[in-house]
Amino acid sequence: MKTKTPQDARILDLAEPLAEELGLEVIRVRVMSGKRPRLQIMTDRLDGSGVDVDDCARLSRALSEVFEVEDPVSGEYDLEVSSPGIDRPLTALKHFERWEGYEAKLELDRLAEGRKRFRGILAGIEDDDVLLDMENEEHTTLIPFDWIADAKLVLTDALIEADLKARGEKSAPNLGDE
């Protein structure tokens, strides 16, 4: 899930060791097409505590040096190193455990129980399965991690509150009050 194409996977192979040396984790790699392609690399600290502009700049400089030699994207392109944001993609099994108790949307690469899309509260992991508590379901749903094509947290008041708390900021206004 960190990558979608063989080119993304090659870039991830180059980027992960550099990120780890800097105490960072590569969350996702995407090459976006356009007149001038954009290479997007989302990163976070290894402990999940969030990155700042300096972290992104350090990783960007390190990647630029390696990409200058390896040339993983032909021609000119823009390199964008950023935080995954509050409603971040979940691309590794440990992310589902770390964000237990928060709402997430998952899309599978195959049909399961007649559907591909699932939404619910993350209930952790069990072996290589993601546990999801879905509305109107009596039992926790087990979804094999390998079946997940895309997953991300849902922006909720609880998620915003947790993000503000992690950054030591005051509470946000309730989104439902608007």
C-alpha atoms as a PDB file:
ATOM      1  CA  MET A   1       0.000   0.000   0.000  1.00  0.00           C
ATOM      2  CA  LYS A   2       2.953   2.312   0.335  1.00  0.00           C
ATOM      3  CA  THR A   3       3.299   2.133  -3.446  1.00  0.00           C
ATOM      4  CA  LYS A   4       1.099   1.505  -6.465  1.00  0.00           C
ATOM      5  CA  THR A   5       3.509   1.070  -9.366  1.00  0.00           C
ATOM      6  CA  PRO A   6       6.910  -0.579  -9.934  1.00  0.00           C
ATOM      7  CA  GLN A   7       8.379   2.933 -10.244  1.00  0.00           C
ATOM      8  CA  ASP A   8       6.929   3.873  -6.842  1.00  0.00           C
ATOM      9  CA  ALA A   9       8.401   0.659  -5.376  1.00  0.00           C
ATOM     10  CA  ARG A  10      11.862   1.483  -6.761  1.00  0.00           C
ATOM     11  CA  ILE A  11      11.679   4.957  -5.234  1.00  0.00           C
ATOM     12  CA  LEU A  12      10.561   3.471  -1.904  1.00  0.00           C
ATOM     13  CA  ASP A  13      13.589   1.143  -1.950  1.00  0.00           C
ATOM     14  CA  LEU A  14      15.841   4.185  -2.358  1.00  0.00           C
ATOM     15  CA  ALA A  15      13.977   6.371   0.156  1.00  0.00           C
ATOM     16  CA  GLU A  16      13.373   4.018   3.107  1.00  0.00           C
ATOM     17  CA  PRO A  17      16.999   3.591   4.232  1.00  0.00           C
ATOM     18  CA  LEU A  18      17.585   7.357   4.051  1.00  0.00           C
ATOM     19  CA  ALA A  19      14.430   8.077   6.016  1.00  0.00           C
ATOM     20  CA  GLU A  20      15.311   5.536   8.706  1.00  0.00           C
ATOM     21  CA  GLU A  21      18.768   7.094   9.137  1.00  0.00           C
ATOM     22  CA  LEU A  22      16.972  10.358   9.903  1.00  0.00           C
ATOM     23  CA  GLY A  23      14.552   8.697  12.356  1.00  0.00           C
ATOM     24  CA  LEU A  24      11.718   8.846   9.833  1.00  0.00           C
ATOM     25  CA  GLU A  25       9.358   6.391   8.167  1.00  0.00           C
ATOM     26  CA  VAL A  26       8.158   6.607   4.573  1.00  0.00           C
ATOM     27  CA  ILE A  27       4.380   6.383   4.727  1.00  0.00           C
ATOM     28  CA  ARG A  28       3.631   6.514   1.002  1.00  0.00           C
ATOM     29  CA  VAL A  29       5.275   7.137  -2.386  1.00  0.00           C
ATOM     30  CA  ARG A  30       3.388   8.303  -5.481  1.00  0.00           C
ATOM     31  CA  VAL A  31       4.507   9.673  -8.825  1.00  0.00           C
ATOM     32  CA  MET A  32       1.703  11.937 -10.036  1.00  0.00           C
ATOM     33  CA  SER A  33       1.554  12.524 -13.775  1.00  0.00           C
ATOM     34  CA  GLY A  34       1.104  15.913 -15.386  1.00  0.00           C
ATOM     35  CA  LYS A  35       2.968  18.402 -17.536  1.00  0.00           C
ATOM     36  CA  ARG A  36       5.684  18.208 -14.911  1.00  0.00           C
ATOM     37  CA  PRO A  37       5.452  15.009 -12.837  1.00  0.00           C
ATOM     38  CA  ARG A  38       5.305  15.328  -9.061  1.00  0.00           C
ATOM     39  CA  LEU A  39       7.052  12.785  -6.833  1.00  0.00           C
ATOM     40  CA  GLN A  40       5.157  12.794  -3.544  1.00  0.00           C
ATOM     41  CA  ILE A  41       6.739  11.200  -0.482  1.00  0.00           C
ATOM     42  CA  MET A  42       4.794  11.231   2.778  1.00  0.00           C
ATOM     43  CA  THR A  43       6.852  10.772   5.912  1.00  0.00           C
ATOM     44  CA  ASP A  44       6.417  10.603   9.667  1.00  0.00           C
ATOM     45  CA  ARG A  45       8.719  10.087  12.613  1.00  0.00           C
ATOM     46  CA  LEU A  46       9.349   6.430  13.392  1.00  0.00           C
ATOM     47  CA  ASP A  47       7.406   6.812  16.648  1.00  0.00           C
ATOM     48  CA  GLY A  48       4.443   8.350  14.798  1.00  0.00           C
ATOM     49  CA  SER A  49       4.740  11.661  16.629  1.00  0.00           C
ATOM     50  CA  GLY A  50       4.552  13.790  13.481  1.00  0.00           C
ATOM     51  CA  VAL A  51       7.093  15.583  11.351  1.00  0.00           C
ATOM     52  CA  ASP A  52       7.840  19.258  11.043  1.00  0.00           C
ATOM     53  CA  VAL A  53       9.134  21.357   8.160  1.00  0.00           C
ATOM     54  CA  ASP A  54      12.760  20.738   9.193  1.00  0.00           C
ATOM     55  CA  ASP A  55      12.257  16.943   9.083  1.00  0.00           C
ATOM     56  CA  CYS A  56      10.753  17.187   5.591  1.00  0.00           C
ATOM     57  CA  ALA A  57      13.567  19.464   4.407  1.00  0.00           C
ATOM     58  CA  ARG A  58      16.273  17.108   5.752  1.00  0.00           C
ATOM     59  CA  LEU A  59      14.704  14.124   4.004  1.00  0.00           C
ATOM     60  CA  SER A  60      14.183  16.124   0.806  1.00  0.00           C
ATOM     61  CA  ARG A  61      17.867  17.102   0.686  1.00  0.00           C
ATOM     62  CA  ALA A  62      18.990  13.517   1.333  1.00  0.00           C
ATOM     63  CA  LEU A  63      16.635  12.164  -1.341  1.00  0.00           C
ATOM     64  CA  SER A  64      17.689  14.791  -3.885  1.00  0.00           C
ATOM     65  CA  GLU A  65      21.318  13.685  -3.605  1.00  0.00           C
ATOM     66  CA  VAL A  66      20.449  10.026  -4.192  1.00  0.00           C
ATOM     67  CA  PHE A  67      17.875  10.738  -6.911  1.00  0.00           C
ATOM     68  CA  GLU A  68      20.427  12.866  -8.764  1.00  0.00           C
ATOM     69  CA  VAL A  69      22.522   9.712  -9.198  1.00  0.00           C
ATOM     70  CA  GLU A  70      19.788   7.036  -9.437  1.00  0.00           C
ATOM     71  CA  ASP A  71      17.363   9.076 -11.588  1.00  0.00           C
ATOM     72  CA  PRO A  72      14.163   7.177 -10.613  1.00  0.00           C
ATOM     73  CA  VAL A  73      11.910   9.605 -12.529  1.00  0.00           C
ATOM     74  CA  SER A  74      12.946  10.434 -16.077  1.00  0.00           C
ATOM     75  CA  GLY A  75      13.060  14.082 -17.056  1.00  0.00           C
ATOM     76  CA  GLU A  76      12.237  17.001 -14.810  1.00  0.00           C
ATOM     77  CA  TYR A  77       9.892  16.536 -11.867  1.00  0.00           C
ATOM     78  CA  ASP A  78       8.984  18.191  -8.578  1.00  0.00           C
ATOM     79  CA  LEU A  79       9.893  16.432  -5.333  1.00  0.00           C
ATOM     80  CA  GLU A  80       7.334  16.941  -2.573  1.00  0.00           C
ATOM     81  CA  VAL A  81       8.152  15.612   0.906  1.00  0.00           C
ATOM     82  CA  SER A  82       5.316  16.121   3.361  1.00  0.00           C
ATOM     83  CA  SER A  83       3.508  14.987   6.465  1.00  0.00           C
ATOM     84  CA  PRO A  84       0.709  12.459   5.942  1.00  0.00           C
ATOM     85  CA  GLY A  85      -1.734  14.885   7.605  1.00  0.00           C
ATOM     86  CA  ILE A  86      -4.337  14.215  10.260  1.00  0.00           C
ATOM     87  CA  ASP A  87      -6.494  11.938   8.107  1.00  0.00           C
ATOM     88  CA  ARG A  88      -3.405  10.020   7.119  1.00  0.00           C
ATOM     89  CA  PRO A  89      -3.120   6.949   4.948  1.00  0.00           C
ATOM     90  CA  LEU A  90      -2.596   3.702   6.838  1.00  0.00           C
ATOM     91  CA  THR A  91       0.014   1.745   4.888  1.00  0.00           C
ATOM     92  CA  ALA A  92       1.621  -0.634   7.381  1.00  0.00           C
ATOM     93  CA  LEU A  93       0.116  -3.127   9.806  1.00  0.00           C
ATOM     94  CA  LYS A  94       1.565  -1.184  12.752  1.00  0.00           C
ATOM     95  CA  HIS A  95      -0.449   1.896  11.697  1.00  0.00           C
ATOM     96  CA  PHE A  96      -3.708   0.025  12.311  1.00  0.00           C
ATOM     97  CA  GLU A  97      -2.515  -0.863  15.800  1.00  0.00           C
ATOM     98  CA  ARG A  98      -1.214   2.659  16.540  1.00  0.00           C
ATOM     99  CA  TRP A  99      -4.534   4.266  15.552  1.00  0.00           C
ATOM    100  CA  GLU A 100      -6.774   1.783  17.364  1.00  0.00           C
ATOM    101  CA  GLY A 101      -9.988   3.446  18.526  1.00  0.00           C
ATOM    102  CA  TYR A 102     -10.206   5.848  15.587  1.00  0.00           C
ATOM    103  CA  GLU A 103     -12.478   5.671  12.558  1.00  0.00           C
ATOM    104  CA  ALA A 104     -11.007   4.500   9.259  1.00  0.00           C
ATOM    105  CA  LYS A 105     -12.080   3.761   5.689  1.00  0.00           C
ATOM    106  CA  LEU A 106     -10.620   0.707   3.977  1.00  0.00           C
ATOM    107  CA  GLU A 107     -10.810  -0.385   0.360  1.00  0.00           C
ATOM    108  CA  LEU A 108      -9.939  -3.949  -0.558  1.00  0.00           C
ATOM    109  CA  ASP A 109      -8.377  -5.317  -3.725  1.00  0.00           C
ATOM    110  CA  ARG A 110     -11.151  -7.954  -3.875  1.00  0.00           C
ATOM    111  CA  LEU A 111     -14.720  -8.503  -2.798  1.00  0.00           C
ATOM    112  CA  ALA A 112     -15.338  -9.659   0.757  1.00  0.00           C
ATOM    113  CA  GLU A 113     -18.891 -10.270   1.905  1.00  0.00           C
ATOM    114  CA  GLY A 114     -20.017  -8.790  -1.415  1.00  0.00           C
ATOM    115  CA  ARG A 115     -18.206  -5.473  -1.096  1.00  0.00           C
ATOM    116  CA  LYS A 116     -14.823  -3.782  -1.345  1.00  0.00           C
ATOM    117  CA  ARG A 117     -15.289  -0.762   0.955  1.00  0.00           C
ATOM    118  CA  PHE A 118     -15.452  -0.896   4.724  1.00  0.00           C
ATOM    119  CA  ARG A 119     -15.717   1.819   7.377  1.00  0.00           C
ATOM    120  CA  GLY A 120     -15.528   1.489  11.130  1.00  0.00           C
ATOM    121  CA  ILE A 121     -13.526   1.923  14.293  1.00  0.00           C
ATOM    122  CA  LEU A 122     -10.069   0.339  14.255  1.00  0.00           C
ATOM    123  CA  ALA A 123      -9.888  -2.400  16.897  1.00  0.00           C
ATOM    124  CA  GLY A 124      -6.194  -3.241  16.529  1.00  0.00           C
ATOM    125  CA  ILE A 125      -4.556  -6.153  14.776  1.00  0.00           C
ATOM    126  CA  GLU A 126      -4.442  -9.913  15.219  1.00  0.00           C
ATOM    127  CA  ASP A 127      -1.572 -11.689  13.467  1.00  0.00           C
ATOM    128  CA  ASP A 128      -1.765 -10.296   9.894  1.00  0.00           C
ATOM    129  CA  ASP A 129      -5.402  -9.190  10.146  1.00  0.00           C
ATOM    130  CA  VAL A 130      -6.816  -5.723  10.755  1.00  0.00           C
ATOM    131  CA  LEU A 131      -9.698  -5.657  13.227  1.00  0.00           C
ATOM    132  CA  LEU A 132     -12.580  -3.309  12.485  1.00  0.00           C
ATOM    133  CA  ASP A 133     -15.714  -2.605  14.532  1.00  0.00           C
ATOM    134  CA  MET A 134     -18.414  -1.604  12.065  1.00  0.00           C
ATOM    135  CA  GLU A 135     -21.745   0.025  12.813  1.00  0.00           C
ATOM    136  CA  ASN A 136     -24.680  -2.396  13.058  1.00  0.00           C
ATOM    137  CA  GLU A 137     -22.335  -5.405  13.171  1.00  0.00           C
ATOM    138  CA  GLU A 138     -22.352  -7.609  16.249  1.00  0.00           C
ATOM    139  CA  HIS A 139     -18.850  -9.021  15.779  1.00  0.00           C
ATOM    140  CA  THR A 140     -15.502  -7.435  15.013  1.00  0.00           C
ATOM    141  CA  THR A 141     -14.576  -7.841  11.351  1.00  0.00           C
ATOM    142  CA  LEU A 142     -11.176  -9.373  10.525  1.00  0.00           C
ATOM    143  CA  ILE A 143      -9.661  -8.132   7.281  1.00  0.00           C
ATOM    144  CA  PRO A 144      -6.420  -9.636   6.001  1.00  0.00           C
ATOM    145  CA  PHE A 145      -3.878  -6.818   5.709  1.00  0.00           C
ATOM    146  CA  ASP A 146      -2.746  -8.170   2.319  1.00  0.00           C
ATOM    147  CA  TRP A 147      -6.260  -7.593   0.942  1.00  0.00           C
ATOM    148  CA  ILE A 148      -6.210  -3.849   1.723  1.00  0.00           C
ATOM    149  CA  ALA A 149      -5.559  -1.680  -1.340  1.00  0.00           C
ATOM    150  CA  ASP A 150      -6.129   1.660   0.374  1.00  0.00           C
ATOM    151  CA  ALA A 151      -6.867   2.807   3.920  1.00  0.00           C
ATOM    152  CA  LYS A 152      -7.005   6.106   5.714  1.00  0.00           C
ATOM    153  CA  LEU A 153      -8.203   7.644   8.926  1.00  0.00           C
ATOM    154  CA  VAL A 154     -11.486   9.548   8.823  1.00  0.00           C
ATOM    155  CA  LEU A 155     -11.332  13.165   9.953  1.00  0.00           C
ATOM    156  CA  THR A 156     -13.437  13.263  13.136  1.00  0.00           C
ATOM    157  CA  ASP A 157     -13.592  15.462  16.227  1.00  0.00           C
ATOM    158  CA  ALA A 158     -11.845  12.696  18.200  1.00  0.00           C
ATOM    159  CA  LEU A 159      -8.978  12.530  15.695  1.00  0.00           C
ATOM    160  CA  ILE A 160      -8.544  16.305  15.659  1.00  0.00           C
ATOM    161  CA  GLU A 161      -8.586  16.363  19.469  1.00  0.00           C
ATOM    162  CA  ALA A 162      -5.929  13.625  19.632  1.00  0.00           C
ATOM    163  CA  ASP A 163      -3.750  15.484  17.117  1.00  0.00           C
ATOM    164  CA  LEU A 164      -4.017  18.750  19.054  1.00  0.00           C
ATOM    165  CA  LYS A 165      -3.258  16.966  22.321  1.00  0.00           C
ATOM    166  CA  ALA A 166      -0.189  15.299  20.793  1.00  0.00           C
ATOM    167  CA  ARG A 167       1.048  18.731  19.728  1.00  0.00           C
ATOM    168  CA  GLY A 168       0.209  20.269  23.106  1.00  0.00           C
ATOM    169  CA  GLU A 169      -2.419  22.647  21.731  1.00  0.00           C
ATOM    170  CA  LYS A 170      -5.827  23.675  23.054  1.00  0.00           C
ATOM    171  CA  SER A 171      -9.025  21.911  22.066  1.00  0.00           C
ATOM    172  CA  ALA A 172     -10.582  22.585  18.709  1.00  0.00           C
ATOM    173  CA  PRO A 173     -14.207  23.660  18.290  1.00  0.00           C
ATOM    174  CA  ASN A 174     -16.622  20.791  17.714  1.00  0.00           C
ATOM    175  CA  LEU A 175     -17.059  20.158  13.976  1.00  0.00           C
ATOM    176  CA  GLY A 176     -20.724  19.309  14.549  1.00  0.00           C
ATOM    177  CA  ASP A 177     -21.426  22.806  15.906  1.00  0.00           C
ATOM    178  CA  GLU A 178     -21.141  24.475  12.500  1.00  0.00           C
END
